[in-house]
Protein backbone atom coordinates (compact mmCIF):
# COMPACT_ATOMS: atom_id res chain seq x y z
CA UNK A 1 68.61 5.27 18.49
CA UNK A 2 67.50 3.10 21.54
CA UNK A 3 63.64 2.70 21.70
CA UNK A 4 62.49 2.64 25.15
CA UNK A 5 59.56 0.35 25.83
CA UNK A 6 57.63 0.11 28.80
CA UNK A 7 57.41 -2.93 30.96
CA UNK A 8 54.29 -2.25 32.09
CA UNK A 9 51.12 -3.88 30.56
CA UNK A 10 48.54 -1.77 28.20
CA UNK A 11 45.38 -1.21 30.22
CA UNK A 12 42.34 -2.71 28.92
CA UNK A 13 38.99 -2.54 29.00
CA UNK A 14 37.01 -5.50 30.38
CA UNK A 15 35.02 -7.10 27.47
CA UNK A 16 31.35 -7.18 28.70
CA UNK A 17 29.60 -9.97 27.68
CA UNK A 18 27.25 -9.88 24.61
CA UNK A 19 28.08 -6.21 23.87
CA UNK A 20 30.20 -6.88 21.18
CA UNK A 21 27.07 -8.96 19.67
CA UNK A 22 24.77 -6.01 20.31
CA UNK A 23 27.00 -3.39 18.69
CA UNK A 24 27.83 -5.43 15.53
CA UNK A 25 24.03 -6.51 14.92
CA UNK A 26 21.83 -3.50 16.35
CA UNK A 27 20.16 -2.63 13.14
CA UNK A 28 19.69 -6.21 12.35
CA UNK A 29 17.82 -6.15 15.46
CA UNK A 30 16.20 -3.24 15.20
CA UNK A 31 14.83 -4.15 12.11
CA UNK A 32 13.68 -7.26 13.24
CA UNK A 33 11.90 -5.93 16.11
CA UNK A 34 10.23 -3.47 13.67
CA UNK A 35 8.82 -6.06 10.95
CA UNK A 36 7.47 -8.38 14.12
CA UNK A 37 5.93 -5.01 15.69
CA UNK A 38 4.19 -4.28 12.49
CA UNK A 39 3.15 -7.88 12.11
CA UNK A 40 1.70 -8.72 15.19
CA UNK A 41 -1.48 -7.53 14.66
CA UNK A 42 -1.19 -9.66 11.21
CA UNK A 43 -0.27 -12.64 12.90
CA UNK A 44 -3.00 -12.53 15.75
CA UNK A 45 -5.74 -12.03 12.75
CA UNK A 46 -4.40 -15.14 11.33
CA UNK A 47 -4.51 -17.00 14.43
CA UNK A 48 -7.95 -16.15 15.43
CA UNK A 49 -9.23 -17.09 12.27
CA UNK A 50 -8.50 -20.88 13.29
CA UNK A 51 -9.90 -20.25 17.44
CA UNK A 52 -12.71 -22.32 18.53
CA UNK A 53 -15.29 -19.91 19.48
CA UNK A 54 -17.10 -20.37 22.39
CA UNK A 55 -18.98 -16.91 22.80
CA UNK A 56 -19.41 -13.66 21.20
CA UNK A 57 -16.11 -12.20 21.54
CA UNK A 58 -13.57 -14.90 21.96
CA UNK A 59 -10.20 -12.99 21.87
CA UNK A 60 -8.35 -15.73 23.80
CA UNK A 61 -7.11 -19.27 22.06
CA UNK A 62 -9.53 -21.94 23.03
CA UNK A 63 -8.47 -24.59 20.54
CA UNK A 64 -7.74 -25.24 16.92
CA UNK A 65 -10.70 -25.30 14.60
CA UNK A 66 -11.33 -25.07 10.83
CA UNK A 67 -15.13 -24.25 11.10
CA UNK A 68 -14.70 -20.72 10.19
CA UNK A 69 -12.75 -21.72 7.30
CA UNK A 70 -15.50 -24.05 6.23
CA UNK A 71 -18.56 -21.33 6.51
CA UNK A 72 -16.39 -17.85 5.64
CA UNK A 73 -19.57 -15.92 4.77
CA UNK A 74 -21.85 -17.54 7.36
CA UNK A 75 -22.20 -13.91 8.88
CA UNK A 76 -25.36 -12.12 8.15
CA UNK A 77 -24.90 -9.06 6.41
CA UNK A 78 -21.10 -9.86 5.37
CA UNK A 79 -21.62 -10.98 1.75
CA UNK A 80 -23.64 -7.29 1.17
CA UNK A 81 -20.65 -5.72 2.89
CA UNK A 82 -18.13 -7.24 0.59
CA UNK A 83 -20.31 -6.84 -2.50
CA UNK A 84 -20.57 -3.35 -1.68
CA UNK A 85 -16.74 -2.69 -0.52
CA UNK A 86 -14.67 -4.99 -3.37
CA UNK A 87 -16.09 -3.42 -6.47
CA UNK A 88 -16.36 0.10 -5.05
CA UNK A 89 -12.27 -0.58 -4.28
CA UNK A 90 -12.01 -1.38 -7.97
CA UNK A 91 -13.59 1.32 -9.50
CA UNK A 92 -11.55 3.60 -7.33
CA UNK A 93 -8.55 2.43 -7.84
CA UNK A 94 -9.15 2.22 -11.68
CA UNK A 95 -10.03 6.36 -11.92
CA UNK A 96 -7.61 7.14 -9.37
CA UNK A 97 -4.79 5.59 -10.95
CA UNK A 98 -5.52 6.97 -14.30
CA UNK A 99 -5.66 10.49 -12.94
CA UNK A 100 -3.26 10.52 -10.37
CA UNK A 101 -0.51 9.04 -13.17
CA UNK A 102 -1.45 11.49 -15.79
CA UNK A 103 -1.40 14.39 -12.84
CA UNK A 104 2.33 13.28 -12.00
CA UNK A 105 3.51 12.95 -15.60
CA UNK A 106 2.22 16.41 -15.89
CA UNK A 107 4.02 17.86 -12.84
CA UNK A 108 7.61 16.22 -13.97
CA UNK A 109 7.40 17.11 -17.90
CA UNK A 110 5.44 20.26 -18.07
CA UNK A 111 6.02 23.83 -16.36
CA UNK A 112 2.35 25.40 -15.70
CA UNK A 113 0.73 27.94 -13.85
CA UNK A 114 -0.12 26.52 -10.41
CA UNK A 115 2.42 23.57 -10.64
CA UNK A 116 3.49 24.32 -6.89
CA UNK A 117 0.13 24.80 -5.92
CA UNK A 118 -0.99 21.44 -7.16
CA UNK A 119 1.99 20.19 -5.40
CA UNK A 120 1.15 21.66 -2.21
CA UNK A 121 -2.71 19.99 -2.52
CA UNK A 122 -1.17 16.94 -2.76
CA UNK A 123 0.61 16.92 0.38
CA UNK A 124 -2.33 18.31 2.09
CA UNK A 125 -4.48 16.05 0.87
CA UNK A 126 -2.53 12.98 2.46
CA UNK A 127 -1.36 14.85 5.77
CA UNK A 128 -5.03 16.47 6.43
CA UNK A 129 -6.88 14.29 9.31
CA UNK A 130 -9.29 11.91 7.76
CA UNK A 131 -11.97 13.43 10.72
CA UNK A 132 -11.31 16.81 9.37
CA UNK A 133 -11.70 15.76 5.69
CA UNK A 134 -14.47 13.37 6.46
CA UNK A 135 -16.93 16.11 7.98
CA UNK A 136 -16.07 18.70 5.70
CA UNK A 137 -17.16 16.35 2.88
CA UNK A 138 -19.94 15.42 4.78
CA UNK A 139 -20.82 19.48 4.58
CA UNK A 140 -19.91 19.77 1.14
CA UNK A 141 -22.42 17.02 0.22
CA UNK A 142 -25.10 18.66 2.29
CA UNK A 143 -24.50 22.21 1.23
CA UNK A 144 -24.96 20.79 -2.58
CA UNK A 145 -27.91 18.77 -1.79
CA UNK A 146 -26.27 15.31 -2.82
CA UNK A 147 -27.68 12.25 -1.47
CA UNK A 148 -25.47 10.44 0.72
CA UNK A 149 -24.59 6.54 -0.38
CA UNK A 150 -22.45 4.77 -3.04
CA UNK A 151 -21.46 8.01 -5.09
CA UNK A 152 -20.64 10.08 -2.17
CA UNK A 153 -18.49 7.43 -1.26
CA UNK A 154 -16.49 6.88 -4.66
CA UNK A 155 -15.79 10.21 -4.80
CA UNK A 156 -14.39 10.77 -1.57
CA UNK A 157 -12.33 8.05 -1.97
CA UNK A 158 -10.87 8.71 -5.44
CA UNK A 159 -10.22 12.35 -4.06
CA UNK A 160 -7.80 11.13 -1.58
CA UNK A 161 -6.11 8.23 -3.50
CA UNK A 162 -5.59 10.56 -6.23
CA UNK A 163 -2.48 12.12 -3.90
CA UNK A 164 -1.01 8.68 -2.97
CA UNK A 165 -1.24 7.34 -6.68
CA UNK A 166 0.63 11.10 -8.15
CA UNK A 167 2.89 11.17 -5.62
CA UNK A 168 4.09 7.41 -5.85
CA UNK A 169 4.19 7.45 -9.79
CA UNK A 170 6.28 10.78 -9.29
CA UNK A 171 9.00 8.91 -7.38
CA UNK A 172 9.50 6.75 -10.43
CA UNK A 173 9.06 9.61 -13.33
CA UNK A 174 12.01 11.70 -11.29
CA UNK A 175 14.40 8.58 -12.03
CA UNK A 176 13.54 8.01 -15.71
CA UNK A 177 15.76 8.67 -18.46
CA UNK A 178 14.12 11.40 -20.52
CA UNK A 179 16.40 10.77 -23.52
CA UNK A 180 14.42 7.55 -24.43
CA UNK A 181 11.67 9.77 -24.93
CA UNK A 182 13.75 12.01 -26.86
CA UNK A 183 14.90 9.18 -29.04
CA UNK A 184 11.41 8.18 -29.86
CA UNK A 185 10.55 11.56 -30.98
CA UNK A 186 13.62 11.30 -33.23
CA UNK A 187 12.17 8.21 -34.39
CA UNK A 188 8.85 10.05 -35.66
CA UNK A 189 6.79 8.99 -32.45
CA UNK A 190 4.71 11.88 -30.88
CA UNK A 191 2.53 12.73 -27.55
CA UNK A 192 0.59 9.76 -26.76
CA UNK A 193 2.70 7.25 -29.05
CA UNK A 194 5.56 7.89 -26.97
CA UNK A 195 3.83 7.71 -23.62
CA UNK A 196 2.11 4.26 -24.55
CA UNK A 197 5.07 2.78 -26.02
CA UNK A 198 7.57 4.14 -24.14
CA UNK A 199 7.01 5.67 -20.77
CA UNK A 200 4.33 3.69 -19.58
CA UNK A 201 5.81 0.13 -19.87
CA UNK A 202 8.63 1.52 -18.19
CA UNK A 203 7.08 3.05 -15.00
CA UNK A 204 4.47 0.27 -15.01
CA UNK A 205 5.60 -1.75 -11.87
CA UNK A 206 5.21 1.62 -10.05
CA UNK A 207 1.93 2.31 -11.69
CA UNK A 208 0.49 -1.31 -10.73
CA UNK A 209 2.19 -0.74 -6.97
CA UNK A 210 0.12 2.71 -6.79
CA UNK A 211 -3.02 1.03 -8.45
CA UNK A 212 -2.98 -2.00 -5.36
CA UNK A 213 -2.10 0.73 -2.84
CA UNK A 214 -5.20 2.77 -3.68
CA UNK A 215 -7.62 -0.30 -3.78
CA UNK A 216 -6.26 -0.96 -0.18
CA UNK A 217 -7.05 2.45 1.06
CA UNK A 218 -10.23 2.28 -0.48
CA UNK A 219 -11.20 -1.44 0.59
CA UNK A 220 -9.97 -0.17 4.41
CA UNK A 221 -11.33 3.32 4.70
CA UNK A 222 -13.72 3.48 7.65
CA UNK A 223 -13.60 7.04 9.00
CA UNK A 224 -14.23 8.97 5.57
CA UNK A 225 -16.98 6.47 4.72
CA UNK A 226 -18.52 6.69 7.84
CA UNK A 227 -19.39 10.38 7.21
CA UNK A 228 -20.44 10.22 3.24
CA UNK A 229 -21.61 6.56 3.42
CA UNK A 230 -25.33 7.54 4.40
CA UNK A 231 -27.17 4.05 4.68
CA UNK A 232 -24.60 1.66 2.50
CA UNK A 233 -22.58 -0.26 4.68
CA UNK A 234 -19.04 -1.27 3.62
CA UNK A 235 -16.90 -3.88 4.72
CA UNK A 236 -15.04 -1.74 7.81
CA UNK A 237 -18.55 -0.62 8.82
CA UNK A 238 -19.86 -4.01 8.90
CA UNK A 239 -16.71 -4.96 10.91
CA UNK A 240 -16.70 -1.93 13.47
CA UNK A 241 -21.10 -2.62 13.90
CA UNK A 242 -20.09 -6.39 14.36
CA UNK A 243 -17.22 -5.12 16.83
CA UNK A 244 -20.03 -3.78 19.23
CA UNK A 245 -21.85 -6.98 19.95
CA UNK A 246 -20.08 -9.60 18.77
CA UNK A 247 -16.87 -10.58 16.87
CA UNK A 248 -17.34 -13.71 14.84
CA UNK A 249 -14.44 -15.64 13.41
CA UNK A 250 -15.42 -15.40 9.87
CA UNK A 251 -14.30 -11.85 9.90
CA UNK A 252 -10.55 -12.86 10.43
CA UNK A 253 -11.02 -15.22 7.95
CA UNK A 254 -12.01 -12.76 5.27
CA UNK A 255 -9.06 -10.32 6.47
CA UNK A 256 -6.73 -13.14 6.31
CA UNK A 257 -7.85 -14.15 2.79
CA UNK A 258 -7.61 -10.21 1.65
CA UNK A 259 -4.25 -10.00 3.08
CA UNK A 260 -2.66 -13.22 1.38
CA UNK A 261 -4.24 -12.11 -1.87
CA UNK A 262 -2.87 -8.72 -1.92
CA UNK A 263 0.65 -10.09 -0.78
CA UNK A 264 1.01 -12.32 -4.18
CA UNK A 265 -0.12 -9.45 -6.25
CA UNK A 266 2.52 -7.55 -4.66
CA UNK A 267 5.13 -10.29 -4.94
CA UNK A 268 4.36 -10.92 -8.73
CA UNK A 269 4.64 -7.04 -9.46
CA UNK A 270 7.46 -7.27 -7.66
CA UNK A 271 8.85 -10.11 -9.74
CA UNK A 272 7.59 -8.60 -12.84
CA UNK A 273 9.93 -5.30 -12.32
CA UNK A 274 13.10 -6.79 -11.83
CA UNK A 275 15.09 -5.92 -14.61
CA UNK A 276 15.87 -9.13 -17.39
CA UNK A 277 19.50 -10.06 -17.37
CA UNK A 278 21.34 -9.36 -20.60
CA UNK A 279 21.98 -11.62 -23.02
CA UNK A 280 25.38 -12.97 -23.63
CA UNK A 281 26.23 -13.14 -27.22
CA UNK A 282 26.60 -16.90 -28.45
CA UNK A 283 29.83 -16.57 -29.82
CA UNK A 284 31.37 -14.81 -26.55
CA UNK A 285 29.69 -17.24 -24.59
CA UNK A 286 31.39 -20.49 -26.31
CA UNK A 287 34.49 -18.40 -27.06
CA UNK A 288 34.12 -18.25 -30.76
CA UNK A 289 34.49 -15.28 -33.49
């Protein structure tokens, strides 16, 4: 059978310059643009920490200077604000991590009355606007005649940090192989011993990440603290007060230091959470038996 072919050339669309490259790398470009967008405020903060200030509000680059880095605590009141915020964030992160981890473990491993209600409360805690939560806590403390100050801030920060910790730890527990716990129980371990020697070491990277996240949330909180702080001034409240009359570059220095320290902690936690490579048998490695 003869095959009939056309002598007319096949019509092809003219290639648009750059369209093929864009179609192949659009996701990469989107990820790069999103990362740059998210890091833009941090980059500006780091750059302004080296800015040579000539007034109260120097948001324009005027020249490189290390004066703010040489005297990072020279602003009156800054040391007092940090002395309140840092210990408060540590205590809040510790309490919220313990309670949140126990809450997550109970939700994953046990069935109890009100389990779905607890799940709903955790989701509502992280989805409720902080303005509403702060005003509600303020009314609660006033009705109960609780004096405003460091104690009310600690209770408030722990309250909304628990939800974040529980949700983050639950995501790790869902992928945890419960057969490991059953094997430990078959070998005679019970209760706390199983959790301490089997479960906790495996979920520890997620627990540490949740603790760091709770620490950052407490250290960074402004809205709820503004309602329940009383006369106590934390670092975010101090920055807000300073920003109304001046913006010293030392604030950018402290923010840069916090960012770098927390980044190092997250990187260290990521490296420690990487699974160890299995060791090869010496005889298999050398080819001997």
